[in-house]
N, C-alpha and C. Protein backbone atom coordinates (compact mmCIF):
# COMPACT_ATOMS: atom_id res chain seq x y z
N MET A 1 -17.67 -8.53 38.80
CA MET A 1 -17.02 -8.77 37.78
C MET A 1 -17.82 -7.98 36.81
N LEU A 2 -19.27 -7.94 36.64
CA LEU A 2 -19.36 -7.24 35.32
C LEU A 2 -18.93 -5.87 35.26
N LYS A 3 -19.29 -5.16 36.24
CA LYS A 3 -18.60 -3.63 36.63
C LYS A 3 -17.56 -3.04 36.27
N GLU A 4 -16.57 -4.16 36.54
CA GLU A 4 -15.22 -3.74 36.24
C GLU A 4 -14.66 -4.26 34.32
N PHE A 5 -15.54 -5.11 33.88
CA PHE A 5 -15.71 -5.23 32.23
C PHE A 5 -16.24 -4.00 31.61
N LYS A 6 -17.46 -3.21 32.77
CA LYS A 6 -18.28 -2.46 32.22
C LYS A 6 -17.28 -1.17 31.63
N GLU A 7 -16.82 -0.75 32.55
CA GLU A 7 -15.42 0.13 33.05
C GLU A 7 -14.29 -0.06 31.99
N PHE A 8 -14.20 -1.24 32.11
CA PHE A 8 -13.29 -1.94 30.62
C PHE A 8 -13.78 -1.42 29.35
N ALA A 9 -14.73 -2.00 28.97
CA ALA A 9 -15.25 -1.71 27.99
C ALA A 9 -15.50 -0.05 27.25
N MET A 10 -15.69 0.49 29.17
CA MET A 10 -15.82 2.06 27.94
C MET A 10 -15.56 2.73 28.30
N ARG A 11 -13.68 2.38 28.71
CA ARG A 11 -12.83 3.19 28.76
C ARG A 11 -12.34 3.94 27.53
N GLY A 12 -12.27 4.96 27.50
CA GLY A 12 -11.36 5.93 26.20
C GLY A 12 -11.30 5.09 25.33
N ASN A 13 -9.68 4.96 25.77
CA ASN A 13 -9.13 4.02 24.81
C ASN A 13 -9.35 3.04 24.25
N VAL A 14 -10.06 1.95 24.80
CA VAL A 14 -10.52 0.97 24.37
C VAL A 14 -11.70 0.96 22.46
N VAL A 15 -12.15 2.00 23.01
CA VAL A 15 -13.85 2.27 21.95
C VAL A 15 -12.69 3.68 21.48
N ASP A 16 -11.97 3.50 22.00
CA ASP A 16 -10.94 4.48 19.78
C ASP A 16 -10.26 3.97 19.26
N MET A 17 -9.99 2.78 19.77
CA MET A 17 -9.41 1.27 19.16
C MET A 17 -9.91 0.98 18.59
N ALA A 18 -11.49 0.94 19.18
CA ALA A 18 -12.14 -0.27 17.91
C ALA A 18 -12.92 1.07 17.08
N VAL A 19 -12.87 1.73 17.27
CA VAL A 19 -13.03 3.16 15.98
C VAL A 19 -12.18 3.00 14.60
N GLY A 20 -11.13 2.58 15.64
CA GLY A 20 -10.02 2.35 14.26
C GLY A 20 -10.03 1.21 13.62
N ILE A 21 -9.80 0.27 14.08
CA ILE A 21 -10.18 -0.87 13.94
C ILE A 21 -11.77 -0.98 12.24
N ILE A 22 -12.56 -1.02 13.47
CA ILE A 22 -14.05 -0.65 12.35
C ILE A 22 -12.93 0.08 11.09
N LEU A 23 -12.95 1.55 10.92
CA LEU A 23 -12.02 2.20 10.31
C LEU A 23 -11.54 1.63 9.61
N GLY A 24 -9.93 1.37 10.65
CA GLY A 24 -9.37 0.58 9.21
C GLY A 24 -10.17 -0.83 8.00
N GLY A 25 -10.84 -1.73 8.64
CA GLY A 25 -11.62 -2.50 7.83
C GLY A 25 -11.58 -1.85 6.73
N ALA A 26 -12.44 -0.94 6.97
CA ALA A 26 -13.51 0.02 6.19
C ALA A 26 -12.23 0.39 4.72
N PHE A 27 -11.35 0.78 5.11
CA PHE A 27 -10.64 1.20 4.09
C PHE A 27 -10.11 0.30 3.65
N GLY A 28 -9.50 -0.82 4.46
CA GLY A 28 -8.98 -1.53 3.67
C GLY A 28 -9.69 -2.17 2.14
N ALA A 29 -11.03 -2.18 2.95
CA ALA A 29 -12.23 -3.17 1.62
C ALA A 29 -11.73 -1.69 0.34
N ILE A 30 -11.67 -0.14 0.95
CA ILE A 30 -12.02 0.81 -0.32
C ILE A 30 -10.26 0.61 -1.15
N ALA A 31 -9.47 0.18 0.26
CA ALA A 31 -7.83 -0.28 -1.11
C ALA A 31 -7.97 -1.62 -1.70
N ALA A 32 -7.97 -2.28 -0.99
CA ALA A 32 -8.74 -3.19 -1.96
C ALA A 32 -9.26 -3.14 -3.42
N SER A 33 -10.70 -3.10 -3.27
CA SER A 33 -11.03 -2.17 -4.83
C SER A 33 -10.10 -1.57 -5.43
N LEU A 34 -9.67 -0.67 -4.76
CA LEU A 34 -8.95 0.32 -5.50
C LEU A 34 -7.81 -0.76 -6.13
N VAL A 35 -6.69 -1.35 -5.97
CA VAL A 35 -6.05 -2.53 -6.39
C VAL A 35 -6.96 -2.61 -7.15
N ASN A 36 -7.77 -4.21 -6.45
CA ASN A 36 -8.50 -4.66 -7.69
C ASN A 36 -9.01 -4.29 -9.15
N ASP A 37 -9.87 -2.76 -9.06
CA ASP A 37 -10.44 -3.27 -9.98
C ASP A 37 -10.05 -1.54 -10.78
N VAL A 38 -9.22 -1.24 -9.98
CA VAL A 38 -8.35 0.23 -11.42
C VAL A 38 -7.25 0.34 -11.29
N LEU A 39 -6.22 -0.21 -9.77
CA LEU A 39 -4.96 -0.06 -10.12
C LEU A 39 -4.22 -1.55 -11.16
N MET A 40 -5.24 -2.48 -10.88
CA MET A 40 -4.37 -4.41 -11.11
C MET A 40 -4.43 -4.04 -13.24
N PRO A 41 -6.47 -3.39 -13.09
CA PRO A 41 -6.39 -3.58 -15.31
C PRO A 41 -5.05 -2.49 -15.52
N VAL A 42 -5.07 -1.60 -14.58
CA VAL A 42 -4.29 -0.81 -15.69
C VAL A 42 -3.35 -1.23 -15.78
N ILE A 43 -2.52 -1.55 -14.63
CA ILE A 43 -0.89 -2.35 -14.75
C ILE A 43 -0.62 -3.31 -15.60
N GLY A 44 -2.37 -4.27 -15.55
CA GLY A 44 -1.94 -5.31 -16.92
C GLY A 44 -2.28 -5.01 -18.42
N PHE A 45 -3.28 -3.98 -18.73
CA PHE A 45 -3.19 -3.13 -19.59
C PHE A 45 -1.94 -3.29 -20.60
N PHE A 46 -0.92 -2.57 -19.91
CA PHE A 46 0.52 -1.84 -19.77
C PHE A 46 1.58 -3.11 -20.09
N LEU A 47 1.25 -4.26 -19.42
CA LEU A 47 1.94 -5.27 -19.45
C LEU A 47 1.14 -5.95 -20.35
N GLY A 48 0.61 -5.89 -21.43
CA GLY A 48 0.55 -7.08 -22.64
C GLY A 48 -1.37 -7.88 -21.48
N GLY A 49 -2.02 -6.90 -21.59
CA GLY A 49 -3.35 -7.94 -20.79
C GLY A 49 -3.30 -8.56 -19.70
N ALA A 50 -1.74 -8.78 -19.70
CA ALA A 50 -2.18 -9.83 -18.56
C ALA A 50 -3.19 -9.62 -17.09
N ASP A 51 -3.61 -10.72 -16.73
CA ASP A 51 -4.97 -10.98 -15.17
C ASP A 51 -3.94 -11.01 -14.50
N PHE A 52 -3.63 -10.33 -13.10
CA PHE A 52 -2.91 -10.32 -12.14
C PHE A 52 -3.39 -11.78 -11.21
N SER A 53 -4.97 -11.66 -11.01
CA SER A 53 -5.87 -12.24 -10.69
C SER A 53 -6.12 -14.21 -10.99
N ASN A 54 -4.99 -14.17 -11.56
CA ASN A 54 -5.29 -15.40 -13.12
C ASN A 54 -3.84 -15.79 -13.35
N LEU A 55 -3.27 -15.05 -12.80
CA LEU A 55 -1.68 -15.50 -12.77
C LEU A 55 -1.37 -16.67 -11.22
N TYR A 56 -0.66 -17.90 -12.13
CA TYR A 56 -0.77 -19.57 -11.13
C TYR A 56 -0.13 -20.18 -12.05
N ALA A 57 0.97 -20.83 -11.34
CA ALA A 57 1.27 -21.85 -11.55
C ALA A 57 0.89 -23.54 -10.99
N VAL A 58 0.34 -24.41 -12.01
CA VAL A 58 -0.25 -25.78 -11.79
C VAL A 58 1.06 -26.62 -11.15
N LEU A 59 1.19 -27.50 -10.10
CA LEU A 59 2.26 -28.04 -9.19
C LEU A 59 1.48 -29.94 -10.44
N ARG A 60 0.45 -29.87 -9.98
CA ARG A 60 -0.38 -31.11 -10.58
C ARG A 60 -2.26 -31.11 -11.10
N ASP A 61 -1.56 -31.81 -12.40
CA ASP A 61 -3.63 -30.65 -13.02
C ASP A 61 -4.21 -31.99 -12.41
N GLY A 62 -5.64 -31.45 -12.71
CA GLY A 62 -6.66 -32.03 -11.72
C GLY A 62 -7.04 -33.12 -11.98
N THR A 63 -8.68 -33.43 -11.47
CA THR A 63 -8.77 -34.49 -12.62
C THR A 63 -9.32 -34.49 -14.20
N THR A 64 -10.02 -33.63 -14.36
CA THR A 64 -8.55 -32.45 -15.10
C THR A 64 -8.06 -32.25 -16.19
N PRO A 65 -7.44 -33.15 -16.71
CA PRO A 65 -5.97 -32.47 -17.23
C PRO A 65 -5.64 -30.74 -18.09
N GLY A 66 -4.28 -30.25 -17.73
CA GLY A 66 -4.63 -28.61 -17.69
C GLY A 66 -3.49 -28.32 -20.18
N PRO A 67 -4.40 -27.76 -20.19
CA PRO A 67 -4.05 -25.69 -19.78
C PRO A 67 -5.52 -26.09 -19.19
N TYR A 68 -5.93 -25.38 -17.64
CA TYR A 68 -7.34 -24.69 -17.47
C TYR A 68 -6.70 -22.70 -18.45
N ALA A 69 -8.81 -22.55 -18.27
CA ALA A 69 -8.54 -21.28 -18.50
C ALA A 69 -7.89 -19.98 -17.40
N SER A 70 -8.36 -21.10 -17.03
CA SER A 70 -8.30 -19.09 -15.21
C SER A 70 -8.15 -20.49 -14.27
N LEU A 71 -7.85 -19.44 -12.97
CA LEU A 71 -7.54 -20.53 -11.77
C LEU A 71 -8.32 -21.07 -11.24
N ALA A 72 -9.31 -20.19 -11.30
CA ALA A 72 -11.14 -21.28 -10.74
C ALA A 72 -10.85 -22.46 -11.81
N ALA A 73 -10.66 -22.34 -12.95
CA ALA A 73 -10.72 -23.87 -13.31
C ALA A 73 -9.98 -24.70 -13.28
N ALA A 74 -9.01 -24.41 -13.04
CA ALA A 74 -7.73 -25.37 -12.62
C ALA A 74 -8.21 -25.56 -10.71
N ARG A 75 -8.76 -24.91 -10.21
CA ARG A 75 -9.07 -25.50 -8.93
C ARG A 75 -10.48 -25.95 -8.77
N GLU A 76 -10.95 -25.71 -10.22
CA GLU A 76 -12.32 -26.55 -9.56
C GLU A 76 -12.42 -27.62 -10.59
N ALA A 77 -10.75 -28.18 -11.42
CA ALA A 77 -11.38 -29.42 -11.78
C ALA A 77 -9.59 -29.90 -11.16
N GLY A 78 -9.84 -30.25 -9.70
CA GLY A 78 -9.24 -30.29 -8.38
C GLY A 78 -7.95 -30.21 -8.95
N ALA A 79 -6.48 -29.35 -9.13
CA ALA A 79 -5.31 -29.22 -9.87
C ALA A 79 -4.83 -27.72 -8.61
N VAL A 80 -3.64 -28.99 -8.38
CA VAL A 80 -2.96 -27.97 -6.95
C VAL A 80 -2.19 -27.21 -8.01
N THR A 81 -2.25 -25.90 -7.21
CA THR A 81 -1.45 -23.94 -8.13
C THR A 81 -1.26 -23.50 -6.85
N VAL A 82 -0.34 -23.18 -7.35
CA VAL A 82 -0.16 -21.38 -6.79
C VAL A 82 -0.28 -20.21 -7.14
N GLY A 83 -1.43 -19.39 -6.39
CA GLY A 83 -1.84 -18.49 -7.21
C GLY A 83 -0.89 -17.18 -7.09
N TYR A 84 0.04 -17.29 -7.25
CA TYR A 84 0.98 -15.92 -7.02
C TYR A 84 0.36 -14.45 -7.53
N GLY A 85 -0.37 -14.57 -8.09
CA GLY A 85 -1.14 -13.50 -8.88
C GLY A 85 -1.77 -13.07 -7.60
N VAL A 86 -2.80 -13.35 -6.97
CA VAL A 86 -3.81 -13.96 -6.18
C VAL A 86 -2.46 -12.47 -4.92
N LEU A 87 -0.83 -12.79 -5.09
CA LEU A 87 -0.78 -12.30 -3.76
C LEU A 87 0.44 -11.14 -4.66
N ILE A 88 0.48 -10.72 -5.73
CA ILE A 88 0.97 -9.71 -6.36
C ILE A 88 0.21 -8.39 -5.39
N ASN A 89 -1.44 -8.91 -5.85
CA ASN A 89 -2.67 -7.62 -6.07
C ASN A 89 -2.70 -7.89 -4.01
N THR A 90 -2.01 -8.61 -3.65
CA THR A 90 -2.12 -8.88 -1.91
C THR A 90 -0.86 -7.58 -2.43
N ILE A 91 -0.20 -7.46 -2.44
CA ILE A 91 1.55 -6.95 -1.99
C ILE A 91 1.09 -5.43 -2.23
N VAL A 92 0.56 -5.36 -2.99
CA VAL A 92 0.17 -4.02 -3.80
C VAL A 92 -0.87 -2.72 -3.16
N ASN A 93 -1.84 -4.24 -2.81
CA ASN A 93 -2.78 -3.66 -1.55
C ASN A 93 -2.38 -3.25 -0.84
N PHE A 94 -1.55 -3.92 0.40
CA PHE A 94 -1.12 -3.97 1.70
C PHE A 94 -0.07 -2.27 1.31
N THR A 95 0.83 -1.91 0.42
CA THR A 95 1.49 -0.84 -0.09
C THR A 95 1.25 0.49 -0.47
N ILE A 96 -0.69 0.33 -0.12
CA ILE A 96 -1.06 1.15 -0.78
C ILE A 96 -1.85 1.85 0.01
N VAL A 97 -1.83 0.77 1.22
CA VAL A 97 -2.55 0.77 2.69
C VAL A 97 -1.62 1.57 3.23
N ALA A 98 -0.13 0.95 4.00
CA ALA A 98 1.05 1.56 3.94
C ALA A 98 1.14 3.08 3.55
N ALA A 99 1.46 3.06 2.39
CA ALA A 99 1.12 4.56 2.23
C ALA A 99 0.76 5.09 2.94
N ALA A 100 -0.75 5.32 2.18
CA ALA A 100 -1.91 6.73 2.98
C ALA A 100 -1.52 6.79 4.13
N LEU A 101 -1.68 5.28 5.41
CA LEU A 101 -1.17 5.40 6.82
C LEU A 101 0.14 6.30 7.42
N PHE A 102 1.03 5.97 6.66
CA PHE A 102 1.86 6.95 6.36
C PHE A 102 1.86 8.02 6.40
N VAL A 103 1.21 8.65 5.32
CA VAL A 103 0.58 9.58 5.17
C VAL A 103 0.28 10.62 6.37
N VAL A 104 -0.73 9.90 6.67
CA VAL A 104 -1.29 10.05 7.94
C VAL A 104 -1.26 10.43 8.88
N ILE A 105 -0.01 9.55 9.35
CA ILE A 105 0.35 9.58 9.97
C ILE A 105 1.47 10.94 10.52
N LYS A 106 2.43 11.10 9.77
CA LYS A 106 3.47 12.28 9.13
C LYS A 106 2.87 13.98 9.36
N GLY A 107 1.42 13.26 9.26
CA GLY A 107 0.89 14.84 9.31
C GLY A 107 0.11 14.66 10.46
N ILE A 108 -0.60 14.12 11.10
CA ILE A 108 -0.21 14.08 12.79
C ILE A 108 0.65 14.54 13.25
N ASN A 109 1.78 14.29 13.13
CA ASN A 109 3.06 14.31 14.66
C ASN A 109 3.73 15.76 13.18
N THR A 110 3.28 15.97 12.10
CA THR A 110 3.83 17.54 11.20
C THR A 110 3.04 18.06 12.32
N SER A 111 1.79 18.28 13.08
CA SER A 111 0.75 19.16 13.19
C SER A 111 0.88 18.85 14.74
N ARG A 112 1.37 18.62 16.05
CA ARG A 112 1.28 17.48 17.27
C ARG A 112 3.50 18.70 17.07
N THR A 113 4.15 18.26 16.08
CA THR A 113 5.30 18.99 15.92
C THR A 113 5.28 20.58 16.40
N GLN A 114 4.07 21.16 15.59
CA GLN A 114 4.20 22.68 15.21
C GLN A 114 3.45 23.10 16.55
N LYS A 115 2.54 22.46 16.93
CA LYS A 115 2.04 22.91 18.04
C LYS A 115 3.48 23.17 19.32
N GLU A 116 3.64 22.00 19.71
CA GLU A 116 4.56 22.03 20.63
C GLU A 116 5.92 23.23 20.21
N ALA A 117 5.68 23.82 19.12
CA ALA A 117 6.73 24.12 19.18
C ALA A 117 6.41 25.61 19.20
N ALA A 118 4.96 26.13 18.71
CA ALA A 118 4.79 27.47 18.74
C ALA A 118 5.37 28.05 20.72
N PRO A 119 5.45 29.06 20.58
CA PRO A 119 7.03 29.57 21.68
C PRO A 119 5.31 30.61 21.90
N ALA A 120 5.49 30.29 23.10
CA ALA A 120 4.40 31.15 23.89
C ALA A 120 5.01 31.86 24.59
N SER A 121 3.90 33.23 24.83
CA SER A 121 3.92 34.31 25.10
C SER A 121 4.67 34.31 26.63
N PRO A 122 5.49 35.27 26.80
CA PRO A 122 6.31 35.41 27.97
C PRO A 122 5.54 35.78 29.24
N PRO A 123 5.38 35.49 29.98
CA PRO A 123 4.97 35.26 30.77
C PRO A 123 5.16 37.31 31.70
N PRO A 124 3.58 38.24 31.73
CA PRO A 124 3.79 39.21 32.52
C PRO A 124 4.52 39.19 33.58
N PRO A 125 5.30 40.89 33.57
CA PRO A 125 6.43 40.54 34.52
C PRO A 125 5.47 40.75 35.67
N SER A 126 5.90 40.60 37.25
CA SER A 126 5.96 40.51 38.48
C SER A 126 4.89 42.86 39.01
N LYS A 127 5.45 41.86 40.04
CA LYS A 127 4.31 43.92 39.78
C LYS A 127 6.16 44.21 40.84
N GLU A 128 6.59 43.47 41.44
CA GLU A 128 8.17 44.35 41.65
C GLU A 128 8.91 44.66 40.28
N VAL A 129 9.59 43.54 39.66
CA VAL A 129 9.63 44.25 38.49
C VAL A 129 8.56 45.72 37.59
N GLN A 130 7.32 45.14 38.11
CA GLN A 130 6.65 46.98 37.50
C GLN A 130 6.44 47.78 38.03
N LEU A 131 6.82 47.37 39.07
CA LEU A 131 7.02 48.65 40.31
C LEU A 131 8.63 49.57 40.23
N LEU A 132 9.98 48.64 40.02
CA LEU A 132 11.05 48.84 39.70
C LEU A 132 11.31 49.71 38.45
N THR A 133 10.70 49.68 37.01
CA THR A 133 10.16 49.92 36.25
C THR A 133 9.92 50.95 36.13
N GLU A 134 8.98 51.38 37.02
CA GLU A 134 8.61 52.58 36.56
C GLU A 134 8.97 53.59 37.72
N ILE A 135 9.91 53.25 38.44
CA ILE A 135 10.79 53.98 39.69
C ILE A 135 11.56 54.20 39.12
N ARG A 136 12.43 54.14 38.03
CA ARG A 136 13.05 53.69 36.33
C ARG A 136 13.40 54.93 36.01
N ASP A 137 12.09 54.51 35.74
CA ASP A 137 10.50 55.54 34.16
C ASP A 137 11.10 56.72 35.20
N LEU A 138 10.88 56.53 36.09
CA LEU A 138 10.51 58.18 37.37
C LEU A 138 11.48 58.88 37.31
N LEU A 139 13.07 58.42 37.30
CA LEU A 139 14.24 58.63 38.25
C LEU A 139 14.96 58.99 36.06
N ALA A 140 14.10 58.79 35.34
CA ALA A 140 15.11 58.87 34.20
C ALA A 140 14.46 60.60 33.60
N ARG A 141 13.42 60.79 34.21
CA ARG A 141 13.18 61.63 33.73
C ARG A 141 13.22 62.97 34.42
N ARG A 142 13.61 62.72 35.60
CA ARG A 142 13.83 64.16 36.25
C ARG A 142 15.54 63.97 35.84
């Protein structure tokens, strides 16, 4: 049973999948940083200085009544909140990752199609055809 597991785990597809998952996680972290640290502050600046990560709605005040300075302060006070700004960040993050993966997959499919569409060189004529061609050429010269 241990041998079968080792064969399964070391199969090429499983190793490739593991590498893909690890790279996907790293790419997700890069995309999250791009969204949270670059894009959302710029979008917030153009929308009047809004910080999307602090956009929330209070459903019920906590032990100390609001208004609260931030989402973290509201949660610390025990308020029941809906953090829709974090959802906006996550949707933008997902859109960036999906667009990047689309571009990568499209590039792979395009290169694969071009390789398949490349015409193969015609096979060389058989010996019989070569012999008949020589005979035809000799007869044409007479």
